[in-house]
Amino acid sequence: MLQALDHLEEICRLSDAVMVARGDLAIEVGQSRLPGFQKKIIHLCNRLGKPVITATQMLDSMVENPRPTRAEITDVANAVLDGSDALMLSAESASGKYPFDCIRTMHEIILEVERNEEKYYKISLENEFLSVPAAIGASASLSAMKLNATAIVCLTTTGNTANIISGFRPRAKIIAVTDRIDVLNRLELIWGIQTLTIDPYKSMEDVLGQVDNLLVSYGLARTGDRVIVTLGQPIDNGALTNSLFVHVVGAEDKTRSPDPELPLRCRSFLS
């Protein structure tokens, strides 16, 4: 473990994702040094665009009790403020007495932090972007902010642009859309990204029809909402992301589906 910390950047660059497993990490570095290393690893992953998960005893008291301690609430909030893409429950949901309450509690803390913390939803244009997807990602985030768009919809085959957009922490929902399940599974780890599965498409009309129907029926947008769409053109050649445009959601004949028909994340009791 200590040798790994000496080569942390190289390891992170070669990793698909990184977990800050604080139990194991504390054994190696000592409990007093743990917070500093947690922040260092998260910051490095943010800089490299790698998903980072913070785990271990986030709400440990809720294994036996229906409410967390104040220290645990602060711990969860700080992990969000540090820049974690995801937070992980362990015994709390695997063998604890109150698994659903744990999920609800963590969800509420995360939402409150992201709603009120100033570091979120601020887009810096100071960096020099060296790739087309990075420039499109910055432009999409800025456009969503200026136009008060409901969502940024990423038509993707690799997930790269959605990952870049996540790094800007935009207020608009980030929705990755593809027919490739392996890509969607990888994107589930990354901050703020929701994934939608669609059928293979060959034209703009086809894909937008599918996207509009899903956005409205899942309650992710309403007919008439503005969304920013990133994609590669020409579509039928499978081009990588090279463009964006502003789209107004259609699907006038669609309404939000009842909760039992929706994915868990879209149900009203979690909103």
C-alpha atoms as a PDB file:
ATOM      1  CA  MET A   1       0.000   0.000   0.000  1.00  0.00           C
ATOM      2  CA  LEU A   2       2.699   2.508   0.918  1.00  0.00           C
ATOM      3  CA  GLN A   3       4.577   1.698  -2.290  1.00  0.00           C
ATOM      4  CA  ALA A   4       1.330   2.317  -4.174  1.00  0.00           C
ATOM      5  CA  LEU A   5       1.083   5.816  -2.696  1.00  0.00           C
ATOM      6  CA  ASP A   6       4.569   6.558  -3.999  1.00  0.00           C
ATOM      7  CA  HIS A   7       3.272   5.801  -7.508  1.00  0.00           C
ATOM      8  CA  LEU A   8      -0.261   7.117  -7.055  1.00  0.00           C
ATOM      9  CA  GLU A   9      -0.507   9.160 -10.232  1.00  0.00           C
ATOM     10  CA  GLU A  10       0.748   6.349 -12.454  1.00  0.00           C
ATOM     11  CA  ILE A  11      -1.730   3.933 -10.867  1.00  0.00           C
ATOM     12  CA  CYS A  12      -4.640   6.340 -11.260  1.00  0.00           C
ATOM     13  CA  ARG A  13      -3.796   7.024 -14.900  1.00  0.00           C
ATOM     14  CA  LEU A  14      -3.914   3.294 -15.656  1.00  0.00           C
ATOM     15  CA  SER A  15      -7.093   2.618 -13.668  1.00  0.00           C
ATOM     16  CA  ASP A  16     -10.673   2.610 -14.911  1.00  0.00           C
ATOM     17  CA  ALA A  17     -11.817   3.818 -11.475  1.00  0.00           C
ATOM     18  CA  VAL A  18     -10.348   4.295  -7.995  1.00  0.00           C
ATOM     19  CA  MET A  19     -11.787   3.426  -4.584  1.00  0.00           C
ATOM     20  CA  VAL A  20     -10.661   5.138  -1.397  1.00  0.00           C
ATOM     21  CA  ALA A  21     -11.132   2.138   0.922  1.00  0.00           C
ATOM     22  CA  ARG A  22     -10.505   3.946   4.153  1.00  0.00           C
ATOM     23  CA  GLY A  23     -10.253   0.894   6.388  1.00  0.00           C
ATOM     24  CA  ASP A  24      -7.334  -0.591   4.475  1.00  0.00           C
ATOM     25  CA  LEU A  25      -5.804   2.824   3.855  1.00  0.00           C
ATOM     26  CA  ALA A  26      -5.843   3.738   7.562  1.00  0.00           C
ATOM     27  CA  ILE A  27      -4.036   0.535   8.472  1.00  0.00           C
ATOM     28  CA  GLU A  28      -1.196   1.455   6.120  1.00  0.00           C
ATOM     29  CA  VAL A  29      -0.853   5.208   6.693  1.00  0.00           C
ATOM     30  CA  GLY A  30      -2.257   5.614  10.211  1.00  0.00           C
ATOM     31  CA  GLN A  31      -5.580   7.115  11.212  1.00  0.00           C
ATOM     32  CA  SER A  32      -4.268  10.664  11.634  1.00  0.00           C
ATOM     33  CA  ARG A  33      -2.954  10.753   8.051  1.00  0.00           C
ATOM     34  CA  LEU A  34      -6.048   9.188   6.522  1.00  0.00           C
ATOM     35  CA  PRO A  35      -8.028  12.413   5.830  1.00  0.00           C
ATOM     36  CA  GLY A  36      -5.121  14.001   3.993  1.00  0.00           C
ATOM     37  CA  PHE A  37      -4.588  10.983   1.765  1.00  0.00           C
ATOM     38  CA  GLN A  38      -8.323  10.715   1.098  1.00  0.00           C
ATOM     39  CA  LYS A  39      -8.385  14.294  -0.171  1.00  0.00           C
ATOM     40  CA  LYS A  40      -5.182  13.818  -2.174  1.00  0.00           C
ATOM     41  CA  ILE A  41      -6.487  10.737  -3.985  1.00  0.00           C
ATOM     42  CA  ILE A  42      -9.861  12.324  -4.755  1.00  0.00           C
ATOM     43  CA  HIS A  43      -8.248  15.534  -6.031  1.00  0.00           C
ATOM     44  CA  LEU A  44      -5.870  13.575  -8.265  1.00  0.00           C
ATOM     45  CA  CYS A  45      -8.700  11.493  -9.728  1.00  0.00           C
ATOM     46  CA  ASN A  46     -10.725  14.641 -10.416  1.00  0.00           C
ATOM     47  CA  ARG A  47      -7.750  16.160 -12.225  1.00  0.00           C
ATOM     48  CA  LEU A  48      -7.226  13.024 -14.323  1.00  0.00           C
ATOM     49  CA  GLY A  49     -10.926  12.517 -15.052  1.00  0.00           C
ATOM     50  CA  LYS A  50     -11.051   9.161 -13.264  1.00  0.00           C
ATOM     51  CA  PRO A  51     -14.143   8.098 -11.285  1.00  0.00           C
ATOM     52  CA  VAL A  52     -13.386   7.936  -7.553  1.00  0.00           C
ATOM     53  CA  ILE A  53     -15.461   6.189  -4.881  1.00  0.00           C
ATOM     54  CA  THR A  54     -15.206   6.949  -1.168  1.00  0.00           C
ATOM     55  CA  ALA A  55     -16.100   3.986   1.040  1.00  0.00           C
ATOM     56  CA  THR A  56     -15.999   2.448   4.530  1.00  0.00           C
ATOM     57  CA  GLN A  57     -18.175   3.274   7.541  1.00  0.00           C
ATOM     58  CA  MET A  58     -19.881   6.265   5.958  1.00  0.00           C
ATOM     59  CA  LEU A  59     -22.999   5.698   8.090  1.00  0.00           C
ATOM     60  CA  ASP A  60     -21.727   2.908  10.320  1.00  0.00           C
ATOM     61  CA  SER A  61     -23.971   3.666  13.304  1.00  0.00           C
ATOM     62  CA  MET A  62     -27.008   3.019  11.097  1.00  0.00           C
ATOM     63  CA  VAL A  63     -26.171  -0.676  11.019  1.00  0.00           C
ATOM     64  CA  GLU A  64     -27.975  -0.758  14.377  1.00  0.00           C
ATOM     65  CA  ASN A  65     -29.711   2.639  14.641  1.00  0.00           C
ATOM     66  CA  PRO A  66     -32.295   4.408  12.465  1.00  0.00           C
ATOM     67  CA  ARG A  67     -30.407   7.727  12.457  1.00  0.00           C
ATOM     68  CA  PRO A  68     -26.754   8.643  11.819  1.00  0.00           C
ATOM     69  CA  THR A  69     -24.457  10.524  14.153  1.00  0.00           C
ATOM     70  CA  ARG A  70     -23.656  14.172  13.453  1.00  0.00           C
ATOM     71  CA  ALA A  71     -20.067  13.169  12.715  1.00  0.00           C
ATOM     72  CA  GLU A  72     -21.238  10.722  10.050  1.00  0.00           C
ATOM     73  CA  ILE A  73     -23.411  13.366   8.407  1.00  0.00           C
ATOM     74  CA  THR A  74     -20.367  15.637   8.233  1.00  0.00           C
ATOM     75  CA  ASP A  75     -18.191  12.797   6.915  1.00  0.00           C
ATOM     76  CA  VAL A  76     -20.597  12.112   4.050  1.00  0.00           C
ATOM     77  CA  ALA A  77     -20.859  15.827   3.263  1.00  0.00           C
ATOM     78  CA  ASN A  78     -17.070  16.267   3.256  1.00  0.00           C
ATOM     79  CA  ALA A  79     -16.612  13.344   0.887  1.00  0.00           C
ATOM     80  CA  VAL A  80     -18.965  15.104  -1.527  1.00  0.00           C
ATOM     81  CA  LEU A  81     -17.195  18.438  -1.063  1.00  0.00           C
ATOM     82  CA  ASP A  82     -13.843  16.769  -1.726  1.00  0.00           C
ATOM     83  CA  GLY A  83     -15.098  15.737  -5.182  1.00  0.00           C
ATOM     84  CA  SER A  84     -16.093  12.073  -4.844  1.00  0.00           C
ATOM     85  CA  ASP A  85     -17.985  10.695  -7.819  1.00  0.00           C
ATOM     86  CA  ALA A  86     -19.729   8.082  -5.690  1.00  0.00           C
ATOM     87  CA  LEU A  87     -20.142   7.147  -2.035  1.00  0.00           C
ATOM     88  CA  MET A  88     -20.410   3.527  -0.982  1.00  0.00           C
ATOM     89  CA  LEU A  89     -22.383   1.830   1.766  1.00  0.00           C
ATOM     90  CA  SER A  90     -21.142  -1.524   3.046  1.00  0.00           C
ATOM     91  CA  ALA A  91     -22.531  -3.239   6.142  1.00  0.00           C
ATOM     92  CA  GLU A  92     -25.128  -0.467   6.387  1.00  0.00           C
ATOM     93  CA  SER A  93     -27.034  -1.871   3.416  1.00  0.00           C
ATOM     94  CA  ALA A  94     -25.609  -5.412   3.232  1.00  0.00           C
ATOM     95  CA  SER A  95     -26.458  -6.615   6.753  1.00  0.00           C
ATOM     96  CA  GLY A  96     -27.741  -3.601   8.720  1.00  0.00           C
ATOM     97  CA  LYS A  97     -31.196  -3.200  10.191  1.00  0.00           C
ATOM     98  CA  TYR A  98     -32.111  -0.069   8.218  1.00  0.00           C
ATOM     99  CA  PRO A  99     -30.769  -0.428   4.642  1.00  0.00           C
ATOM    100  CA  PHE A 100     -33.372   1.735   2.939  1.00  0.00           C
ATOM    101  CA  ASP A 101     -33.105   4.459   5.588  1.00  0.00           C
ATOM    102  CA  CYS A 102     -29.339   4.489   4.995  1.00  0.00           C
ATOM    103  CA  ILE A 103     -29.810   5.009   1.280  1.00  0.00           C
ATOM    104  CA  ARG A 104     -32.374   7.758   1.847  1.00  0.00           C
ATOM    105  CA  THR A 105     -30.166   9.490   4.434  1.00  0.00           C
ATOM    106  CA  MET A 106     -27.104   9.473   2.185  1.00  0.00           C
ATOM    107  CA  HIS A 107     -29.197  10.656  -0.752  1.00  0.00           C
ATOM    108  CA  GLU A 108     -30.571  13.599   1.240  1.00  0.00           C
ATOM    109  CA  ILE A 109     -27.138  14.664   2.524  1.00  0.00           C
ATOM    110  CA  ILE A 110     -25.606  14.547  -0.952  1.00  0.00           C
ATOM    111  CA  LEU A 111     -28.458  16.532  -2.512  1.00  0.00           C
ATOM    112  CA  GLU A 112     -28.293  19.203   0.179  1.00  0.00           C
ATOM    113  CA  VAL A 113     -24.535  19.645  -0.184  1.00  0.00           C
ATOM    114  CA  GLU A 114     -24.679  19.876  -3.960  1.00  0.00           C
ATOM    115  CA  ARG A 115     -27.631  22.267  -3.833  1.00  0.00           C
ATOM    116  CA  ASN A 116     -25.908  24.803  -1.591  1.00  0.00           C
ATOM    117  CA  GLU A 117     -22.149  24.436  -2.025  1.00  0.00           C
ATOM    118  CA  GLU A 118     -20.621  27.178  -4.185  1.00  0.00           C
ATOM    119  CA  LYS A 119     -17.967  24.961  -5.763  1.00  0.00           C
ATOM    120  CA  TYR A 120     -20.671  23.099  -7.651  1.00  0.00           C
ATOM    121  CA  TYR A 121     -22.156  24.304 -10.925  1.00  0.00           C
ATOM    122  CA  LYS A 122     -19.292  26.730 -11.595  1.00  0.00           C
ATOM    123  CA  ILE A 123     -17.567  26.298 -14.898  1.00  0.00           C
ATOM    124  CA  SER A 124     -13.963  27.346 -15.300  1.00  0.00           C
ATOM    125  CA  LEU A 125     -12.759  28.148 -18.799  1.00  0.00           C
ATOM    126  CA  GLU A 126      -9.155  28.700 -17.741  1.00  0.00           C
ATOM    127  CA  ASN A 127      -7.797  25.394 -19.010  1.00  0.00           C
ATOM    128  CA  GLU A 128      -6.576  24.966 -22.548  1.00  0.00           C
ATOM    129  CA  PHE A 129      -8.500  22.130 -24.141  1.00  0.00           C
ATOM    130  CA  LEU A 130      -6.478  19.895 -26.398  1.00  0.00           C
ATOM    131  CA  SER A 131      -9.195  17.611 -27.757  1.00  0.00           C
ATOM    132  CA  VAL A 132     -12.469  18.052 -29.585  1.00  0.00           C
ATOM    133  CA  PRO A 133     -14.532  16.149 -26.946  1.00  0.00           C
ATOM    134  CA  ALA A 134     -13.059  18.328 -24.167  1.00  0.00           C
ATOM    135  CA  ALA A 135     -13.968  21.520 -26.022  1.00  0.00           C
ATOM    136  CA  ILE A 136     -17.467  20.199 -26.759  1.00  0.00           C
ATOM    137  CA  GLY A 137     -17.862  19.233 -23.092  1.00  0.00           C
ATOM    138  CA  ALA A 138     -16.935  22.717 -21.894  1.00  0.00           C
ATOM    139  CA  SER A 139     -19.215  24.330 -24.470  1.00  0.00           C
ATOM    140  CA  ALA A 140     -22.125  22.063 -23.546  1.00  0.00           C
ATOM    141  CA  SER A 141     -21.733  22.840 -19.837  1.00  0.00           C
ATOM    142  CA  LEU A 142     -21.536  26.577 -20.462  1.00  0.00           C
ATOM    143  CA  SER A 143     -24.480  26.516 -22.886  1.00  0.00           C
ATOM    144  CA  ALA A 144     -26.598  24.577 -20.400  1.00  0.00           C
ATOM    145  CA  MET A 145     -25.859  27.155 -17.728  1.00  0.00           C
ATOM    146  CA  LYS A 146     -26.540  30.187 -19.943  1.00  0.00           C
ATOM    147  CA  LEU A 147     -29.729  28.738 -21.428  1.00  0.00           C
ATOM    148  CA  ASN A 148     -30.961  27.187 -18.155  1.00  0.00           C
ATOM    149  CA  ALA A 149     -31.233  23.849 -19.941  1.00  0.00           C
ATOM    150  CA  THR A 150     -32.881  20.967 -18.142  1.00  0.00           C
ATOM    151  CA  ALA A 151     -30.334  18.405 -19.283  1.00  0.00           C
ATOM    152  CA  ILE A 152     -27.216  17.716 -21.299  1.00  0.00           C
ATOM    153  CA  VAL A 153     -27.843  14.636 -23.425  1.00  0.00           C
ATOM    154  CA  CYS A 154     -24.702  12.853 -24.590  1.00  0.00           C
ATOM    155  CA  LEU A 155     -25.141  10.510 -27.542  1.00  0.00           C
ATOM    156  CA  THR A 156     -22.116   8.358 -26.970  1.00  0.00           C
ATOM    157  CA  THR A 157     -20.317   5.198 -28.003  1.00  0.00           C
ATOM    158  CA  THR A 158     -17.412   5.429 -25.543  1.00  0.00           C
ATOM    159  CA  GLY A 159     -18.696   7.591 -22.656  1.00  0.00           C
ATOM    160  CA  ASN A 160     -15.708   9.929 -22.917  1.00  0.00           C
ATOM    161  CA  THR A 161     -17.629  13.164 -23.477  1.00  0.00           C
ATOM    162  CA  ALA A 162     -20.112  12.412 -20.685  1.00  0.00           C
ATOM    163  CA  ASN A 163     -17.180  11.851 -18.320  1.00  0.00           C
ATOM    164  CA  ILE A 164     -15.630  15.181 -19.342  1.00  0.00           C
ATOM    165  CA  ILE A 165     -18.927  17.018 -18.834  1.00  0.00           C
ATOM    166  CA  SER A 166     -19.280  15.460 -15.375  1.00  0.00           C
ATOM    167  CA  GLY A 167     -16.001  17.105 -14.404  1.00  0.00           C
ATOM    168  CA  PHE A 168     -17.615  20.530 -14.783  1.00  0.00           C
ATOM    169  CA  ARG A 169     -20.332  19.595 -12.250  1.00  0.00           C
ATOM    170  CA  PRO A 170     -23.116  21.301 -14.235  1.00  0.00           C
ATOM    171  CA  ARG A 171     -26.496  22.010 -12.675  1.00  0.00           C
ATOM    172  CA  ALA A 172     -28.273  20.411 -15.631  1.00  0.00           C
ATOM    173  CA  LYS A 173     -28.786  16.663 -15.550  1.00  0.00           C
ATOM    174  CA  ILE A 174     -26.156  14.727 -17.513  1.00  0.00           C
ATOM    175  CA  ILE A 175     -27.817  11.952 -19.470  1.00  0.00           C
ATOM    176  CA  ALA A 176     -25.716   9.463 -21.411  1.00  0.00           C
ATOM    177  CA  VAL A 177     -27.589   7.712 -24.202  1.00  0.00           C
ATOM    178  CA  THR A 178     -26.380   4.699 -26.165  1.00  0.00           C
ATOM    179  CA  ASP A 179     -27.272   1.168 -27.174  1.00  0.00           C
ATOM    180  CA  ARG A 180     -24.015  -0.143 -25.674  1.00  0.00           C
ATOM    181  CA  ILE A 181     -24.698  -1.627 -22.244  1.00  0.00           C
ATOM    182  CA  ASP A 182     -21.005  -1.988 -21.379  1.00  0.00           C
ATOM    183  CA  VAL A 183     -20.531   1.771 -21.807  1.00  0.00           C
ATOM    184  CA  LEU A 184     -23.595   2.586 -19.710  1.00  0.00           C
ATOM    185  CA  ASN A 185     -22.403   0.281 -16.922  1.00  0.00           C
ATOM    186  CA  ARG A 186     -19.045   2.085 -16.730  1.00  0.00           C
ATOM    187  CA  LEU A 187     -20.719   5.493 -16.666  1.00  0.00           C
ATOM    188  CA  GLU A 188     -22.858   4.565 -13.636  1.00  0.00           C
ATOM    189  CA  LEU A 189     -19.844   5.263 -11.387  1.00  0.00           C
ATOM    190  CA  ILE A 190     -19.335   8.834 -12.569  1.00  0.00           C
ATOM    191  CA  TRP A 191     -20.759  11.889 -10.802  1.00  0.00           C
ATOM    192  CA  GLY A 192     -24.161  13.084 -11.928  1.00  0.00           C
ATOM    193  CA  ILE A 193     -24.545  10.820 -14.955  1.00  0.00           C
ATOM    194  CA  GLN A 194     -27.836   9.072 -15.610  1.00  0.00           C
ATOM    195  CA  THR A 195     -27.923   6.473 -18.347  1.00  0.00           C
ATOM    196  CA  LEU A 196     -30.596   5.626 -20.884  1.00  0.00           C
ATOM    197  CA  THR A 197     -30.634   2.634 -23.187  1.00  0.00           C
ATOM    198  CA  ILE A 198     -31.968   3.169 -26.690  1.00  0.00           C
ATOM    199  CA  ASP A 199     -32.237   1.067 -29.820  1.00  0.00           C
ATOM    200  CA  PRO A 200     -29.537   1.425 -32.495  1.00  0.00           C
ATOM    201  CA  TYR A 201     -30.124   4.508 -34.624  1.00  0.00           C
ATOM    202  CA  LYS A 202     -29.034   5.829 -38.005  1.00  0.00           C
ATOM    203  CA  SER A 203     -30.594   9.286 -38.161  1.00  0.00           C
ATOM    204  CA  MET A 204     -31.088  12.362 -35.989  1.00  0.00           C
ATOM    205  CA  GLU A 205     -34.874  12.077 -36.223  1.00  0.00           C
ATOM    206  CA  ASP A 206     -34.762   8.486 -34.974  1.00  0.00           C
ATOM    207  CA  VAL A 207     -32.543   9.134 -31.959  1.00  0.00           C
ATOM    208  CA  LEU A 208     -34.298  12.334 -30.887  1.00  0.00           C
ATOM    209  CA  GLY A 209     -37.661  10.612 -31.003  1.00  0.00           C
ATOM    210  CA  GLN A 210     -36.392   7.886 -28.701  1.00  0.00           C
ATOM    211  CA  VAL A 211     -34.673  10.352 -26.369  1.00  0.00           C
ATOM    212  CA  ASP A 212     -37.722  12.639 -26.093  1.00  0.00           C
ATOM    213  CA  ASN A 213     -39.999   9.728 -25.219  1.00  0.00           C
ATOM    214  CA  LEU A 214     -37.624   8.472 -22.521  1.00  0.00           C
ATOM    215  CA  LEU A 215     -36.994  11.914 -21.010  1.00  0.00           C
ATOM    216  CA  VAL A 216     -40.695  12.656 -20.659  1.00  0.00           C
ATOM    217  CA  SER A 217     -41.862   9.205 -19.566  1.00  0.00           C
ATOM    218  CA  TYR A 218     -39.072   8.971 -16.944  1.00  0.00           C
ATOM    219  CA  GLY A 219     -39.807  12.456 -15.641  1.00  0.00           C
ATOM    220  CA  LEU A 220     -36.332  13.737 -16.543  1.00  0.00           C
ATOM    221  CA  ALA A 221     -37.696  16.559 -18.694  1.00  0.00           C
ATOM    222  CA  ARG A 222     -40.982  17.984 -19.914  1.00  0.00           C
ATOM    223  CA  THR A 223     -42.274  18.736 -23.367  1.00  0.00           C
ATOM    224  CA  GLY A 224     -40.933  22.166 -24.332  1.00  0.00           C
ATOM    225  CA  ASP A 225     -37.810  21.992 -22.145  1.00  0.00           C
ATOM    226  CA  ARG A 226     -34.460  22.944 -23.619  1.00  0.00           C
ATOM    227  CA  VAL A 227     -31.730  20.323 -23.618  1.00  0.00           C
ATOM    228  CA  ILE A 228     -28.175  20.458 -24.937  1.00  0.00           C
ATOM    229  CA  VAL A 229     -27.269  17.492 -27.147  1.00  0.00           C
ATOM    230  CA  THR A 230     -23.684  16.396 -27.854  1.00  0.00           C
ATOM    231  CA  LEU A 231     -22.990  13.926 -30.619  1.00  0.00           C
ATOM    232  CA  GLY A 232     -20.760  12.839 -33.462  1.00  0.00           C
ATOM    233  CA  GLN A 233     -21.714  13.638 -37.026  1.00  0.00           C
ATOM    234  CA  PRO A 234     -22.367  12.147 -39.495  1.00  0.00           C
ATOM    235  CA  ILE A 235     -24.411   9.816 -37.311  1.00  0.00           C
ATOM    236  CA  ASP A 236     -24.581   6.911 -39.737  1.00  0.00           C
ATOM    237  CA  ASN A 237     -20.767   6.717 -39.808  1.00  0.00           C
ATOM    238  CA  GLY A 238     -20.482   6.346 -36.031  1.00  0.00           C
ATOM    239  CA  ALA A 239     -18.356   9.504 -35.743  1.00  0.00           C
ATOM    240  CA  LEU A 240     -16.915  10.506 -32.364  1.00  0.00           C
ATOM    241  CA  THR A 241     -18.316  13.574 -30.598  1.00  0.00           C
ATOM    242  CA  ASN A 242     -17.669  16.684 -32.668  1.00  0.00           C
ATOM    243  CA  SER A 243     -20.764  18.880 -32.311  1.00  0.00           C
ATOM    244  CA  LEU A 244     -23.579  20.087 -30.080  1.00  0.00           C
ATOM    245  CA  PHE A 245     -26.946  21.693 -30.613  1.00  0.00           C
ATOM    246  CA  VAL A 246     -29.869  23.034 -28.595  1.00  0.00           C
ATOM    247  CA  HIS A 247     -32.952  20.853 -28.763  1.00  0.00           C
ATOM    248  CA  VAL A 248     -36.502  21.451 -27.519  1.00  0.00           C
ATOM    249  CA  VAL A 249     -38.103  18.306 -26.102  1.00  0.00           C
ATOM    250  CA  GLY A 250     -41.104  17.057 -28.048  1.00  0.00           C
ATOM    251  CA  ALA A 251     -43.111  13.917 -27.195  1.00  0.00           C
ATOM    252  CA  GLU A 252     -46.340  15.908 -26.809  1.00  0.00           C
ATOM    253  CA  ASP A 253     -48.338  12.685 -26.548  1.00  0.00           C
ATOM    254  CA  LYS A 254     -46.236  11.350 -23.644  1.00  0.00           C
ATOM    255  CA  THR A 255     -46.644  11.829 -19.901  1.00  0.00           C
ATOM    256  CA  ARG A 256     -44.582  10.724 -16.917  1.00  0.00           C
ATOM    257  CA  SER A 257     -45.053   7.023 -16.216  1.00  0.00           C
ATOM    258  CA  PRO A 258     -46.361   5.813 -12.816  1.00  0.00           C
ATOM    259  CA  ASP A 259     -43.678   5.183 -10.182  1.00  0.00           C
ATOM    260  CA  PRO A 260     -43.869   1.353 -10.306  1.00  0.00           C
ATOM    261  CA  GLU A 261     -42.965   1.453 -14.009  1.00  0.00           C
ATOM    262  CA  LEU A 262     -39.938   3.732 -13.525  1.00  0.00           C
ATOM    263  CA  PRO A 263     -36.328   2.960 -12.589  1.00  0.00           C
ATOM    264  CA  LEU A 264     -35.785   3.426  -8.848  1.00  0.00           C
ATOM    265  CA  ARG A 265     -33.759   6.611  -9.340  1.00  0.00           C
ATOM    266  CA  CYS A 266     -36.642   8.309 -11.159  1.00  0.00           C
ATOM    267  CA  ARG A 267     -39.369   7.591  -8.624  1.00  0.00           C
ATOM    268  CA  SER A 268     -40.946  10.501  -6.817  1.00  0.00           C
ATOM    269  CA  PHE A 269     -40.137   9.358  -3.276  1.00  0.00           C
ATOM    270  CA  LEU A 270     -36.453  10.055  -3.961  1.00  0.00           C
ATOM    271  CA  SER A 271     -36.989  13.526  -5.440  1.00  0.00           C
END
